[in-house]
Protein backbone atom coordinates (compact mmCIF):
# COMPACT_ATOMS: atom_id res chain seq x y z
CA MET A 1 -19.98 63.92 37.65
CA PRO A 2 -16.81 61.89 37.02
CA PHE A 3 -16.62 60.04 33.73
CA ILE A 4 -14.46 56.97 33.09
CA TRP A 5 -13.78 56.61 29.37
CA ASP A 6 -11.90 54.35 26.98
CA GLY A 7 -12.05 53.10 23.41
CA SER A 8 -15.40 51.42 24.03
CA ILE A 9 -17.23 54.76 23.78
CA GLN A 10 -20.06 54.14 21.34
CA THR A 11 -20.06 56.67 18.53
CA ASP A 12 -20.58 56.70 14.80
CA ASP A 13 -19.10 60.18 14.51
CA PRO A 14 -15.95 59.85 12.40
CA ARG A 15 -14.56 63.06 13.96
CA ALA A 16 -14.88 61.60 17.47
CA LEU A 17 -13.23 58.38 16.34
CA HIS A 18 -10.44 60.37 14.69
CA PHE A 19 -9.96 62.34 17.91
CA LEU A 20 -9.75 59.13 19.96
CA ASP A 21 -7.23 57.67 17.50
CA ARG A 22 -5.06 60.81 17.67
CA ALA A 23 -5.27 60.86 21.47
CA ALA A 24 -4.23 57.19 21.64
CA ALA A 25 -1.29 57.88 19.31
CA ALA A 26 -0.18 60.56 21.80
CA GLY A 27 -0.42 58.10 24.71
CA VAL A 28 -3.91 59.05 25.93
CA GLY A 29 -5.95 55.90 25.44
CA SER A 30 -8.37 56.05 28.36
CA GLY A 31 -8.98 58.07 31.46
CA LEU A 32 -11.05 59.65 34.14
CA ALA A 33 -12.55 63.09 33.50
CA LEU A 34 -13.47 65.12 36.60
CA TYR A 35 -15.58 68.28 36.35
CA PHE A 36 -15.90 71.28 38.66
CA ILE A 37 -18.57 73.85 37.91
CA ASN A 38 -19.42 77.03 39.79
CA ASP A 39 -20.85 80.47 38.97
CA ALA A 40 -17.57 81.78 37.54
CA TYR A 41 -16.17 78.88 35.53
CA ALA A 42 -16.21 75.23 34.60
CA VAL A 43 -13.04 73.12 34.83
CA MET A 44 -12.18 69.63 33.72
CA VAL A 45 -9.23 67.74 35.16
CA SER A 46 -8.36 64.57 33.28
CA LEU A 47 -6.28 61.68 34.59
CA ASN A 48 -5.22 59.53 31.65
CA ARG A 49 -3.80 56.09 30.92
CA PRO A 50 -2.08 54.83 27.77
CA GLU A 51 -4.27 51.71 27.46
CA ARG A 52 -6.97 52.12 24.84
CA MET A 53 -9.34 49.66 26.54
CA LEU A 54 -9.84 49.32 30.28
CA THR A 55 -10.36 45.86 31.70
CA SER A 56 -13.26 45.34 34.09
CA ARG A 57 -10.73 44.95 36.89
CA ARG A 58 -9.00 48.26 36.03
CA ARG A 59 -12.35 50.05 35.77
CA ARG A 60 -13.34 48.76 39.23
CA MET A 61 -10.00 49.93 40.62
CA ILE A 62 -10.58 53.42 39.22
CA GLU A 63 -14.12 53.46 40.60
CA ALA A 64 -12.83 52.41 44.03
CA ARG A 65 -10.38 55.36 44.05
CA MET A 66 -12.84 57.94 42.71
CA GLY A 67 -12.90 59.88 46.00
CA ASP A 68 -9.11 60.13 46.02
CA ALA A 69 -9.13 61.25 42.38
CA LEU A 70 -11.75 63.95 43.09
CA HIS A 71 -9.76 65.18 46.07
CA PHE A 72 -6.52 65.26 44.05
CA ALA A 73 -8.20 67.12 41.17
CA SER A 74 -9.73 69.70 43.50
CA VAL A 75 -6.41 70.35 45.31
CA PHE A 76 -4.51 70.47 42.01
CA HIS A 77 -7.01 72.95 40.58
CA TRP A 78 -6.90 75.12 43.71
CA LEU A 79 -3.08 75.20 43.68
CA PHE A 80 -2.94 75.90 39.95
CA MET A 81 -5.46 78.75 40.23
CA ARG A 82 -3.73 80.22 43.26
CA ARG A 83 -0.13 79.89 42.13
CA VAL A 84 -0.42 80.41 38.38
CA ILE A 85 -3.68 81.96 37.21
CA MET A 86 -4.38 84.39 40.08
CA ARG A 87 -0.76 85.59 40.05
CA GLY A 88 -1.01 86.31 36.34
CA LEU A 89 2.07 84.29 35.42
CA GLN A 90 2.81 84.32 31.71
CA PRO A 91 3.36 81.05 29.85
CA LEU A 92 6.94 79.99 29.21
CA HIS A 93 6.28 80.10 25.46
CA GLN A 94 3.56 81.52 23.27
CA GLY A 95 2.24 80.60 19.85
CA ALA A 96 0.94 82.97 17.24
CA PRO A 97 -1.74 85.39 18.46
CA LEU A 98 -5.30 84.19 17.96
CA SER A 99 -7.49 85.94 15.43
CA PRO A 100 -10.69 87.59 16.70
CA ARG A 101 -12.71 84.78 15.04
CA GLU A 102 -10.58 82.09 16.75
CA LEU A 103 -11.08 83.84 20.09
CA GLU A 104 -14.85 83.90 19.52
CA CYS A 105 -14.91 80.20 18.64
CA LEU A 106 -12.75 79.32 21.62
CA HIS A 107 -14.96 81.38 23.95
CA PHE A 108 -18.12 79.64 22.75
CA ALA A 109 -16.49 76.19 22.92
CA ALA A 110 -15.33 76.90 26.47
CA HIS A 111 -18.95 77.57 27.34
CA GLY A 112 -20.01 74.16 26.02
CA MET A 113 -21.23 75.02 22.54
CA THR A 114 -20.78 72.44 19.77
CA SER A 115 -19.08 73.28 16.48
CA HIS A 116 -22.48 73.30 14.81
CA ASP A 117 -23.88 75.72 17.44
CA ILE A 118 -20.85 77.98 17.05
CA ALA A 119 -21.22 78.02 13.28
CA ILE A 120 -24.86 79.09 13.61
CA LYS A 121 -24.04 81.71 16.28
CA LEU A 122 -21.34 83.26 14.09
CA GLY A 123 -23.43 83.18 10.94
CA ILE A 124 -21.46 80.47 9.22
CA ALA A 125 -24.22 77.86 9.30
CA GLY A 126 -23.67 75.14 6.79
CA ALA A 127 -19.94 75.32 7.45
CA PRO A 128 -19.37 74.02 10.99
CA ARG A 129 -15.91 72.89 9.91
CA ILE A 130 -14.86 76.55 9.97
CA SER A 131 -15.58 76.80 13.69
CA THR A 132 -13.92 73.42 14.28
CA SER A 133 -10.87 74.62 12.34
CA ALA A 134 -10.76 77.86 14.35
CA ILE A 135 -10.96 75.91 17.62
CA SER A 136 -8.22 73.53 16.45
CA SER A 137 -6.06 76.48 15.48
CA ALA A 138 -6.72 78.14 18.82
CA SER A 139 -5.85 74.91 20.68
CA LEU A 140 -2.56 74.61 18.86
CA ALA A 141 -1.71 78.23 19.65
CA CYS A 142 -2.16 77.71 23.39
């Protein structure tokens, strides 16, 4: 299901607010998240805007073009999979190799687990920041 988001997302989670602040500082203030799920994988394609808050008019415009956005995302994903992933092309640059623990955390996060769930799964309950740190480290290495 597509999800239109902006700074009006209601949350008391300071980590989520920090994430939104960092995203806005990088020019990602709002957007449209589109999801594709099948038996083999789940993919999210995000179309972003720099504005932190969407006006009602802008939100209606995005809603009116939702079909076009879904079509674009599906074609983009198909082309990317076909021309990059399935051909096994290597990235133009690589960061430091991920540790086995970072790979585990990244794998679980990619399958929808929260930091808290990952911490429990890996036996580091009571320290979910470790799994969050490993995921952050893995993200930076990509």
